[in-house]
Amino acid sequence: MSDQNPIVGLVDFSAVAPVAKTLWPGPRRDYVSPGLIDPGLMRFFPSLQEGDVADLQWPYLRKDAPHIWRRDLRGVRNPYIGVLSLDEASLLHNNALPFRGRRALEIGCHYAWSSAHLVAAGVDLDVIDPALGHADQMRDVGASLAPIGPARLWAGFSPSIVPAVRAMQPEPWSFAFIDGYHEGEAPRDDARAVIELLADDALVMFHDLISPHVAAGLAVFADAGWSVGLYNTMQIMGAAWRGKATPAPHVADRDMPAATAEHLKRFAPLS
């Protein structure tokens, strides 16, 4: 794999209307829901930088949300990929906490900001991302996780690699975070690959459900009879759960715009 070329080429979004017609008018801020734990991992990611959302072209970015959007400066091949807001990262961490010591899966790690919040929750984590095939990115992800805890890093494409990674350990996954390629059928394909490989008591999270393609991944779980719901965060997170698993409570920022997109109406609100 070439270290000069991105894993995924640029997508033409010129025909897609942006979801946000206006910008948040005031200074942006970080937010953590009352009652949730922020593990304080920002100090391990000095390469995270606040970005100006006005400059970003992805149509599914909620530019009218009040929270800080950050990117990792190490991401030179794909410099406009953002990371979870602090609100979203803390929510991911708190949903993973009940699964401490149990096996978990992450599809799509970028430079490990989300992975770190899972590792800090104490789960036994498998991380799948084709970009880990770049030697520098594998090294940087490993360096970011080193002060927090171990994870198994797999350089490969989902969903094709998912069954092989599952087979490397006897236990099923009890928690999963699906945040891989967002376009077309990819989120749905990831969901279909993962759903058959989960424990009876399991919880799955998605990020960027403001995109209808990602929401189609959550719908795979709803159609299979799982309980599902939405968190009203900067980019809207979703959860699917069954058995004894329960999603973490979340109080949305009072200034967060409502999650009113047509493709989200089938999912119940969790915040």
Protein backbone atom coordinates (compact mmCIF):
# COMPACT_ATOMS: atom_id res chain seq x y z
CA MET A 1 0.00 0.00 0.00
CA SER A 2 1.32 3.41 -0.93
CA ASP A 3 1.91 5.86 1.92
CA GLN A 4 1.23 8.71 -0.53
CA ASN A 5 -2.31 7.71 -1.59
CA PRO A 6 -5.51 7.84 0.46
CA ILE A 7 -7.50 4.68 1.11
CA VAL A 8 -10.68 6.25 -0.24
CA GLY A 9 -10.90 8.76 -3.06
CA LEU A 10 -12.80 12.02 -2.83
CA VAL A 11 -16.58 11.83 -3.29
CA ASP A 12 -18.48 14.42 -5.33
CA PHE A 13 -21.18 15.90 -3.08
CA SER A 14 -22.06 18.80 -5.40
CA ALA A 15 -25.58 17.46 -5.95
CA VAL A 16 -26.30 16.92 -2.22
CA ALA A 17 -28.00 19.77 -0.37
CA PRO A 18 -26.25 20.61 2.93
CA VAL A 19 -28.18 19.71 6.08
CA ALA A 20 -27.24 23.02 7.74
CA LYS A 21 -28.39 26.21 6.08
CA THR A 22 -26.80 28.48 8.71
CA LEU A 23 -23.75 28.55 10.99
CA TRP A 24 -23.81 28.53 14.78
CA PRO A 25 -23.62 32.28 15.47
CA GLY A 26 -21.64 32.32 18.71
CA PRO A 27 -18.34 30.94 20.01
CA ARG A 28 -18.15 27.17 19.89
CA ARG A 29 -17.70 25.18 23.08
CA ASP A 30 -17.14 21.69 24.45
CA TYR A 31 -19.93 19.98 26.34
CA VAL A 32 -20.32 16.84 28.45
CA SER A 33 -23.78 15.69 29.49
CA PRO A 34 -24.56 15.95 33.22
CA GLY A 35 -24.09 12.58 34.88
CA LEU A 36 -21.54 11.29 32.38
CA ILE A 37 -17.81 10.78 32.92
CA ASP A 38 -15.24 12.58 30.78
CA PRO A 39 -12.06 10.48 31.06
CA GLY A 40 -9.93 13.55 30.23
CA LEU A 41 -8.03 12.17 27.24
CA MET A 42 -7.50 15.43 25.36
CA ARG A 43 -4.02 15.75 26.90
CA PHE A 44 -2.94 12.62 25.02
CA PHE A 45 -3.96 14.14 21.67
CA PRO A 46 -1.98 17.38 21.19
CA SER A 47 -2.46 16.98 17.43
CA LEU A 48 -6.20 17.68 17.67
CA GLN A 49 -6.98 21.14 16.35
CA GLU A 50 -10.20 23.13 16.33
CA GLY A 51 -11.36 23.74 12.78
CA ASP A 52 -13.58 26.27 11.04
CA VAL A 53 -16.70 24.40 9.91
CA ALA A 54 -17.47 27.13 7.38
CA ASP A 55 -14.61 25.81 5.25
CA LEU A 56 -15.83 22.20 5.17
CA GLN A 57 -17.70 20.82 2.17
CA TRP A 58 -19.20 17.59 3.53
CA PRO A 59 -22.97 18.24 3.27
CA TYR A 60 -23.84 16.17 6.34
CA LEU A 61 -21.96 18.36 8.81
CA ARG A 62 -24.28 20.12 11.26
CA LYS A 63 -22.61 23.51 11.07
CA ASP A 64 -25.44 25.02 13.09
CA ALA A 65 -24.51 22.93 16.16
CA PRO A 66 -22.71 24.81 18.97
CA HIS A 67 -19.90 22.35 19.67
CA ILE A 68 -16.25 22.46 18.66
CA TRP A 69 -15.30 20.49 15.54
CA ARG A 70 -11.76 19.10 15.60
CA ARG A 71 -9.48 17.28 13.22
CA ASP A 72 -6.20 15.46 13.79
CA LEU A 73 -3.26 17.24 12.19
CA ARG A 74 -1.56 13.90 11.61
CA GLY A 75 -4.20 13.07 9.00
CA VAL A 76 -2.33 14.55 6.04
CA ARG A 77 -3.79 12.09 3.51
CA ASN A 78 -7.37 13.01 4.43
CA PRO A 79 -7.02 16.39 6.18
CA TYR A 80 -10.75 17.15 6.43
CA ILE A 81 -11.81 14.09 8.41
CA GLY A 82 -13.19 15.24 11.75
CA VAL A 83 -13.28 13.39 15.04
CA LEU A 84 -16.04 12.91 17.59
CA SER A 85 -16.95 16.00 19.57
CA LEU A 86 -16.12 15.82 23.27
CA ASP A 87 -19.82 15.25 23.96
CA GLU A 88 -19.83 12.29 21.56
CA ALA A 89 -16.54 10.83 22.78
CA SER A 90 -17.73 10.98 26.39
CA LEU A 91 -21.01 9.35 25.39
CA LEU A 92 -19.12 6.55 23.64
CA HIS A 93 -16.96 6.04 26.71
CA ASN A 94 -19.91 5.87 29.10
CA ASN A 95 -21.81 3.41 26.94
CA ALA A 96 -18.75 1.16 26.88
CA LEU A 97 -18.13 1.29 30.65
CA PRO A 98 -20.63 -1.47 31.56
CA PHE A 99 -18.73 -3.81 29.22
CA ARG A 100 -15.39 -3.52 31.04
CA GLY A 101 -13.38 -6.69 30.53
CA ARG A 102 -15.60 -7.87 27.68
CA ARG A 103 -14.73 -7.98 24.02
CA ALA A 104 -15.49 -4.94 21.83
CA LEU A 105 -15.10 -3.94 18.18
CA GLU A 106 -14.42 -0.61 16.49
CA ILE A 107 -14.75 -0.18 12.74
CA GLY A 108 -12.95 3.01 11.70
CA CYS A 109 -10.48 4.57 14.13
CA HIS A 110 -8.74 7.36 12.16
CA TYR A 111 -6.05 8.43 14.69
CA ALA A 112 -7.57 6.71 17.74
CA TRP A 113 -9.48 9.52 19.49
CA SER A 114 -12.58 7.31 19.64
CA SER A 115 -10.49 4.18 20.26
CA ALA A 116 -8.88 5.82 23.27
CA HIS A 117 -12.28 6.42 24.86
CA LEU A 118 -13.14 2.76 24.39
CA VAL A 119 -9.81 1.54 25.76
CA ALA A 120 -10.19 3.87 28.76
CA ALA A 121 -13.52 2.17 29.46
CA GLY A 122 -11.67 -1.10 29.96
CA VAL A 123 -13.05 -3.11 27.05
CA ASP A 124 -10.98 -5.75 25.22
CA LEU A 125 -10.84 -3.91 21.91
CA ASP A 126 -10.37 -4.97 18.29
CA VAL A 127 -9.87 -2.03 15.91
CA ILE A 128 -10.36 -2.39 12.15
CA ASP A 129 -9.30 0.33 9.72
CA PRO A 130 -7.72 -0.02 6.26
CA ALA A 131 -5.71 3.16 6.88
CA LEU A 132 -3.73 1.23 9.50
CA GLY A 133 -2.01 -0.27 6.47
CA HIS A 134 -0.06 2.97 6.24
CA ALA A 135 3.01 2.45 8.41
CA ASP A 136 2.94 5.97 9.82
CA GLN A 137 -0.74 5.78 10.78
CA MET A 138 -0.31 2.40 12.48
CA ARG A 139 2.61 3.88 14.41
CA ASP A 140 0.71 7.02 15.37
CA VAL A 141 -2.40 5.13 16.48
CA GLY A 142 -0.28 2.82 18.59
CA ALA A 143 1.51 5.79 20.15
CA SER A 144 -1.79 7.48 21.00
CA LEU A 145 -3.12 4.39 22.73
CA ALA A 146 0.11 3.43 24.54
CA PRO A 147 -0.46 5.61 27.65
CA ILE A 148 -4.10 4.55 27.90
CA GLY A 149 -4.17 0.81 27.33
CA PRO A 150 -3.86 -2.03 24.81
CA ALA A 151 -5.94 -2.74 21.72
CA ARG A 152 -5.58 -5.15 18.80
CA LEU A 153 -5.09 -3.13 15.60
CA TRP A 154 -6.13 -4.70 12.31
CA ALA A 155 -5.22 -3.16 8.94
CA GLY A 156 -8.04 -4.29 6.68
CA PHE A 157 -11.30 -3.42 5.00
CA SER A 158 -14.65 -4.02 6.60
CA PRO A 159 -16.85 -5.90 6.22
CA SER A 160 -14.61 -8.51 4.56
CA ILE A 161 -12.13 -8.76 7.45
CA VAL A 162 -14.76 -8.80 10.22
CA PRO A 163 -15.34 -12.60 10.41
CA ALA A 164 -11.60 -13.32 10.58
CA VAL A 165 -11.07 -10.81 13.38
CA ARG A 166 -14.02 -12.24 15.30
CA ALA A 167 -12.55 -15.76 14.98
CA MET A 168 -9.24 -14.76 16.60
CA GLN A 169 -10.80 -14.94 20.09
CA PRO A 170 -13.46 -17.35 21.41
CA GLU A 171 -15.69 -14.70 22.97
CA PRO A 172 -18.25 -12.78 20.90
CA TRP A 173 -18.22 -8.99 20.85
CA SER A 174 -20.46 -7.39 23.47
CA PHE A 175 -19.95 -3.81 22.28
CA ALA A 176 -19.34 -2.37 18.83
CA PHE A 177 -18.76 1.10 17.42
CA ILE A 178 -19.37 1.33 13.67
CA ASP A 179 -17.79 4.49 12.26
CA GLY A 180 -16.18 3.34 9.03
CA TYR A 181 -16.76 4.49 5.46
CA HIS A 182 -19.99 6.50 5.44
CA GLU A 183 -21.13 6.45 1.83
CA GLY A 184 -23.43 4.21 -0.19
CA GLU A 185 -24.07 0.74 1.19
CA ALA A 186 -20.96 0.69 3.40
CA PRO A 187 -22.64 1.38 6.79
CA ARG A 188 -25.36 -1.16 6.04
CA ASP A 189 -22.78 -3.74 4.96
CA ASP A 190 -20.80 -3.19 8.17
CA ALA A 191 -23.95 -3.60 10.25
CA ARG A 192 -24.91 -6.83 8.49
CA ALA A 193 -21.43 -8.24 9.07
CA VAL A 194 -21.38 -7.38 12.76
CA ILE A 195 -24.93 -8.22 13.84
CA GLU A 196 -24.46 -11.98 13.60
CA LEU A 197 -21.25 -11.91 15.66
CA LEU A 198 -22.48 -10.22 18.86
CA ALA A 199 -23.24 -11.52 22.32
CA ASP A 200 -26.79 -11.98 23.57
CA ASP A 201 -26.36 -8.90 25.77
CA ALA A 202 -24.82 -6.33 23.46
CA LEU A 203 -24.82 -2.65 22.51
CA VAL A 204 -23.78 -1.10 19.21
CA MET A 205 -23.17 2.59 18.49
CA PHE A 206 -23.03 4.61 15.27
CA HIS A 207 -21.72 8.13 14.59
CA ASP A 208 -22.89 10.64 11.95
CA LEU A 209 -26.48 9.48 11.67
CA ILE A 210 -27.32 12.85 10.15
CA SER A 211 -26.20 11.04 6.98
CA PRO A 212 -28.99 8.79 5.63
CA HIS A 213 -26.37 6.25 4.56
CA VAL A 214 -25.20 5.80 8.16
CA ALA A 215 -28.77 5.75 9.46
CA ALA A 216 -29.39 2.81 7.14
CA GLY A 217 -26.81 0.90 9.18
CA LEU A 218 -28.74 1.51 12.40
CA ALA A 219 -31.91 0.44 10.59
CA VAL A 220 -30.37 -3.01 10.06
CA PHE A 221 -30.53 -3.52 13.82
CA ALA A 222 -34.03 -2.07 14.11
CA ASP A 223 -35.28 -4.39 11.37
CA ALA A 224 -33.72 -7.35 13.20
CA GLY A 225 -35.74 -6.58 16.35
CA TRP A 226 -33.12 -4.72 18.40
CA SER A 227 -34.07 -1.68 20.44
CA VAL A 228 -32.68 1.47 18.81
CA GLY A 229 -32.50 5.18 19.55
CA LEU A 230 -30.79 8.48 18.77
CA TYR A 231 -28.61 10.81 20.82
CA ASN A 232 -28.92 14.45 19.77
CA THR A 233 -25.21 15.28 19.59
CA MET A 234 -23.29 17.40 17.10
CA GLN A 235 -23.48 14.73 14.37
CA ILE A 236 -26.16 12.55 15.99
CA MET A 237 -25.12 9.24 17.49
CA GLY A 238 -27.25 6.12 17.49
CA ALA A 239 -27.44 3.05 19.69
CA ALA A 240 -28.85 -0.44 19.20
CA TRP A 241 -29.10 -2.85 22.11
CA ARG A 242 -30.57 -6.16 23.20
CA GLY A 243 -30.69 -8.47 26.22
CA LYS A 244 -29.56 -6.89 29.46
CA ALA A 245 -27.67 -4.05 27.76
CA THR A 246 -28.96 -0.52 28.37
CA PRO A 247 -27.87 2.74 26.67
CA ALA A 248 -26.34 5.45 28.85
CA PRO A 249 -28.60 8.42 29.70
CA HIS A 250 -27.73 11.67 27.97
CA VAL A 251 -28.95 15.24 28.30
CA ALA A 252 -28.54 17.10 25.02
CA ASP A 253 -27.03 20.57 24.99
CA ARG A 254 -29.95 22.99 25.21
CA ASP A 255 -28.68 24.78 22.08
CA MET A 256 -28.34 21.66 19.94
CA PRO A 257 -30.64 21.83 16.89
CA ALA A 258 -33.39 19.23 16.84
CA ALA A 259 -32.84 15.94 15.03
CA THR A 260 -35.71 16.37 12.57
CA ALA A 261 -34.35 14.88 9.34
CA GLU A 262 -36.92 12.71 7.60
CA HIS A 263 -34.70 9.61 7.60
CA LEU A 264 -34.40 9.78 11.42
CA LYS A 265 -38.11 9.81 12.23
CA ARG A 266 -38.34 6.05 12.73
CA PHE A 267 -35.84 6.15 15.61
CA ALA A 268 -36.83 7.13 19.17
CA PRO A 269 -34.88 9.92 20.91
CA LEU A 270 -32.46 9.03 23.71
CA SER A 271 -31.65 12.68 24.58
